[in-house]
C-alpha atoms as a PDB file:
ATOM      1  CA  UNK A   1      76.129 129.544  98.892  1.00  0.00           C
ATOM      2  CA  UNK A   2      74.866 126.321 101.227  1.00  0.00           C
ATOM      3  CA  UNK A   3      76.318 125.582 104.514  1.00  0.00           C
ATOM      4  CA  UNK A   4      78.634 122.847 103.228  1.00  0.00           C
ATOM      5  CA  UNK A   5      80.061 125.229 100.633  1.00  0.00           C
ATOM      6  CA  UNK A   6      80.714 127.797 103.319  1.00  0.00           C
ATOM      7  CA  UNK A   7      82.287 125.622 105.813  1.00  0.00           C
ATOM      8  CA  UNK A   8      84.236 124.397 102.848  1.00  0.00           C
ATOM      9  CA  UNK A   9      85.338 128.059 102.277  1.00  0.00           C
ATOM     10  CA  UNK A  10      86.412 128.521 106.228  1.00  0.00           C
ATOM     11  CA  UNK A  11      88.230 125.471 106.204  1.00  0.00           C
ATOM     12  CA  UNK A  12      90.411 126.527 102.715  1.00  0.00           C
ATOM     13  CA  UNK A  13      91.138 129.764 104.509  1.00  0.00           C
ATOM     14  CA  UNK A  14      92.196 128.262 107.951  1.00  0.00           C
ATOM     15  CA  UNK A  15      94.405 125.917 105.991  1.00  0.00           C
ATOM     16  CA  UNK A  16      96.058 128.750 103.997  1.00  0.00           C
ATOM     17  CA  UNK A  17      97.025 130.256 107.705  1.00  0.00           C
ATOM     18  CA  UNK A  18      97.742 127.223 109.234  1.00  0.00           C
ATOM     19  CA  UNK A  19     100.116 125.533 106.326  1.00  0.00           C
ATOM     20  CA  UNK A  20     103.092 128.073 106.537  1.00  0.00           C
ATOM     21  CA  UNK A  21     103.153 127.659 110.313  1.00  0.00           C
ATOM     22  CA  UNK A  22     103.144 123.953 110.242  1.00  0.00           C
ATOM     23  CA  UNK A  23     105.571 123.730 107.343  1.00  0.00           C
ATOM     24  CA  UNK A  24     108.235 125.977 109.098  1.00  0.00           C
ATOM     25  CA  UNK A  25     107.516 124.087 112.518  1.00  0.00           C
ATOM     26  CA  UNK A  26     107.624 120.428 111.083  1.00  0.00           C
ATOM     27  CA  UNK A  27     110.702 121.276 108.586  1.00  0.00           C
ATOM     28  CA  UNK A  28     109.446 119.846 105.415  1.00  0.00           C
ATOM     29  CA  UNK A  29     110.399 121.470 101.872  1.00  0.00           C
ATOM     30  CA  UNK A  30     108.494 119.249  99.546  1.00  0.00           C
ATOM     31  CA  UNK A  31     105.021 120.705  99.017  1.00  0.00           C
ATOM     32  CA  UNK A  32     102.111 118.571  99.641  1.00  0.00           C
ATOM     33  CA  UNK A  33      98.845 118.039  97.808  1.00  0.00           C
ATOM     34  CA  UNK A  34      95.707 118.743  99.486  1.00  0.00           C
ATOM     35  CA  UNK A  35      92.100 117.052  98.594  1.00  0.00           C
ATOM     36  CA  UNK A  36      88.971 118.168 100.489  1.00  0.00           C
ATOM     37  CA  UNK A  37      86.437 115.157 100.259  1.00  0.00           C
ATOM     38  CA  UNK A  38      82.642 115.686 100.743  1.00  0.00           C
ATOM     39  CA  UNK A  39      81.151 112.186 101.523  1.00  0.00           C
ATOM     40  CA  UNK A  40      77.670 112.087 103.128  1.00  0.00           C
ATOM     41  CA  UNK A  41      77.818 108.524 103.945  1.00  0.00           C
ATOM     42  CA  UNK A  42      81.217 108.640 105.729  1.00  0.00           C
ATOM     43  CA  UNK A  43      80.008 111.732 107.491  1.00  0.00           C
ATOM     44  CA  UNK A  44      77.073 109.782 108.887  1.00  0.00           C
ATOM     45  CA  UNK A  45      79.240 107.353 109.828  1.00  0.00           C
ATOM     46  CA  UNK A  46      80.501 107.971 113.600  1.00  0.00           C
ATOM     47  CA  UNK A  47      83.554 105.792 112.848  1.00  0.00           C
ATOM     48  CA  UNK A  48      83.939 106.721 109.449  1.00  0.00           C
ATOM     49  CA  UNK A  49      87.237 108.437 107.961  1.00  0.00           C
ATOM     50  CA  UNK A  50      88.534 111.485 108.912  1.00  0.00           C
ATOM     51  CA  UNK A  51      91.824 111.775 106.843  1.00  0.00           C
ATOM     52  CA  UNK A  52      94.830 110.037 105.096  1.00  0.00           C
ATOM     53  CA  UNK A  53      98.127 110.527 104.099  1.00  0.00           C
ATOM     54  CA  UNK A  54      99.194 109.212 100.513  1.00  0.00           C
ATOM     55  CA  UNK A  55     103.201 108.998 100.801  1.00  0.00           C
ATOM     56  CA  UNK A  56     103.792 107.887  96.950  1.00  0.00           C
ATOM     57  CA  UNK A  57     101.745 110.891  95.857  1.00  0.00           C
ATOM     58  CA  UNK A  58     102.554 113.223  98.857  1.00  0.00           C
ATOM     59  CA  UNK A  59      98.863 113.931  99.073  1.00  0.00           C
ATOM     60  CA  UNK A  60      96.692 114.695 102.224  1.00  0.00           C
ATOM     61  CA  UNK A  61      92.886 113.829 101.667  1.00  0.00           C
ATOM     62  CA  UNK A  62      90.614 115.446 104.519  1.00  0.00           C
ATOM     63  CA  UNK A  63      86.878 114.348 104.929  1.00  0.00           C
ATOM     64  CA  UNK A  64      85.132 117.552 105.728  1.00  0.00           C
ATOM     65  CA  UNK A  65      81.363 116.406 105.800  1.00  0.00           C
ATOM     66  CA  UNK A  66      79.403 116.662 108.979  1.00  0.00           C
ATOM     67  CA  UNK A  67      82.887 117.706 111.045  1.00  0.00           C
ATOM     68  CA  UNK A  68      83.924 121.113 112.854  1.00  0.00           C
ATOM     69  CA  UNK A  69      86.390 122.783 110.885  1.00  0.00           C
ATOM     70  CA  UNK A  70      88.716 122.757 113.834  1.00  0.00           C
ATOM     71  CA  UNK A  71      88.829 119.173 113.854  1.00  0.00           C
ATOM     72  CA  UNK A  72      89.422 118.896 110.170  1.00  0.00           C
ATOM     73  CA  UNK A  73      92.400 121.217 110.846  1.00  0.00           C
ATOM     74  CA  UNK A  74      93.684 118.773 113.535  1.00  0.00           C
ATOM     75  CA  UNK A  75      93.458 116.080 110.734  1.00  0.00           C
ATOM     76  CA  UNK A  76      95.331 118.567 108.607  1.00  0.00           C
ATOM     77  CA  UNK A  77      98.372 118.982 110.697  1.00  0.00           C
ATOM     78  CA  UNK A  78      98.441 115.067 111.977  1.00  0.00           C
ATOM     79  CA  UNK A  79      98.769 114.222 108.240  1.00  0.00           C
ATOM     80  CA  UNK A  80     101.103 117.007 107.572  1.00  0.00           C
ATOM     81  CA  UNK A  81     103.694 115.178 110.420  1.00  0.00           C
ATOM     82  CA  UNK A  82     103.476 112.118 108.055  1.00  0.00           C
ATOM     83  CA  UNK A  83     104.397 114.444 105.289  1.00  0.00           C
ATOM     84  CA  UNK A  84     106.983 115.533 107.111  1.00  0.00           C
ATOM     85  CA  UNK A  85     108.076 111.757 108.309  1.00  0.00           C
ATOM     86  CA  UNK A  86     107.869 110.844 104.250  1.00  0.00           C
ATOM     87  CA  UNK A  87     109.929 113.778 103.093  1.00  0.00           C
ATOM     88  CA  UNK A  88     112.515 112.403 106.019  1.00  0.00           C
ATOM     89  CA  UNK A  89     112.579 108.778 104.084  1.00  0.00           C
ATOM     90  CA  UNK A  90     110.940 107.444 107.369  1.00  0.00           C
ATOM     91  CA  UNK A  91     108.336 105.269 105.369  1.00  0.00           C
ATOM     92  CA  UNK A  92     111.256 103.894 103.140  1.00  0.00           C
ATOM     93  CA  UNK A  93     113.098 102.409 106.287  1.00  0.00           C
ATOM     94  CA  UNK A  94     110.128 100.234 107.515  1.00  0.00           C
ATOM     95  CA  UNK A  95     108.746  97.373 105.779  1.00  0.00           C
ATOM     96  CA  UNK A  96     105.040  96.489 105.537  1.00  0.00           C
ATOM     97  CA  UNK A  97     102.192  97.728 104.076  1.00  0.00           C
ATOM     98  CA  UNK A  98      99.590 100.288 105.548  1.00  0.00           C
ATOM     99  CA  UNK A  99      96.792  98.041 105.747  1.00  0.00           C
ATOM    100  CA  UNK A 100      93.867  97.957 108.346  1.00  0.00           C
ATOM    101  CA  UNK A 101      95.690  97.977 111.864  1.00  0.00           C
ATOM    102  CA  UNK A 102      99.133  98.847 110.691  1.00  0.00           C
ATOM    103  CA  UNK A 103      99.360 100.924 113.770  1.00  0.00           C
ATOM    104  CA  UNK A 104      98.719  98.056 116.037  1.00  0.00           C
ATOM    105  CA  UNK A 105     100.766  94.997 114.068  1.00  0.00           C
ATOM    106  CA  UNK A 106     103.853  97.531 113.304  1.00  0.00           C
ATOM    107  CA  UNK A 107     106.022  98.838 116.129  1.00  0.00           C
ATOM    108  CA  UNK A 108     107.596 101.269 113.803  1.00  0.00           C
ATOM    109  CA  UNK A 109     104.572 102.619 112.051  1.00  0.00           C
ATOM    110  CA  UNK A 110     103.473 102.731 115.567  1.00  0.00           C
ATOM    111  CA  UNK A 111     105.763 105.379 116.392  1.00  0.00           C
ATOM    112  CA  UNK A 112     105.377 107.283 113.381  1.00  0.00           C
ATOM    113  CA  UNK A 113     101.498 107.448 114.033  1.00  0.00           C
ATOM    114  CA  UNK A 114     102.110 108.390 117.886  1.00  0.00           C
ATOM    115  CA  UNK A 115     104.627 111.633 116.496  1.00  0.00           C
ATOM    116  CA  UNK A 116     101.868 112.567 114.485  1.00  0.00           C
ATOM    117  CA  UNK A 117      99.249 112.746 117.089  1.00  0.00           C
ATOM    118  CA  UNK A 118     101.674 114.260 119.470  1.00  0.00           C
ATOM    119  CA  UNK A 119     103.057 116.686 117.101  1.00  0.00           C
ATOM    120  CA  UNK A 120     100.142 117.228 115.002  1.00  0.00           C
ATOM    121  CA  UNK A 121      97.724 118.064 117.970  1.00  0.00           C
ATOM    122  CA  UNK A 122     100.356 120.577 119.748  1.00  0.00           C
ATOM    123  CA  UNK A 123     101.101 122.341 116.456  1.00  0.00           C
ATOM    124  CA  UNK A 124      97.735 123.061 115.996  1.00  0.00           C
ATOM    125  CA  UNK A 125      96.869 123.931 119.641  1.00  0.00           C
ATOM    126  CA  UNK A 126      99.976 126.177 119.514  1.00  0.00           C
ATOM    127  CA  UNK A 127      98.700 128.012 116.789  1.00  0.00           C
ATOM    128  CA  UNK A 128      95.138 128.320 117.649  1.00  0.00           C
ATOM    129  CA  UNK A 129      96.281 129.792 121.141  1.00  0.00           C
ATOM    130  CA  UNK A 130      98.439 132.329 119.217  1.00  0.00           C
ATOM    131  CA  UNK A 131      95.421 133.259 117.406  1.00  0.00           C
ATOM    132  CA  UNK A 132      93.121 133.966 120.493  1.00  0.00           C
END
C-alpha cells in the first residue's frame, strides 16, 4: 500500500470515530454522504480547495492530497456544521447563490460560515483533546 493509500485509510478511520460524536453534538439526524477526493494538481496548489458541502445532495467532498489528516478532519467538521445548517433549513431561508465570494457578499451566508468555523473547529478540538 502506498503512502497516500495509508493516509486515506487513516483518514477514514478517524472520520468513523469522529462522525458519531459530531452528529450528536451538532444535532442533525439526516445522514451525510462523504467523498474523499485525491487531486494532485489541487494538492500542489497552496490555495487549492480543501472541502465543500453540496446542500442539494447532502454531500461533503474532502480533498485529501497533500494534507495532514487532522487538517482533513477539521474540514470535515466544518462541513458537518453546514450539513446541520442545511438540515435545519438555513440555506432555504437565504437567497443568493454560493458563487465565488459568497461569504463576503451575503451577510446571512457569512454568519453561517462563521458558525461553521467556530463550532467545527471547537468540536474537533474537544474530540481531539478527549483522545489524548
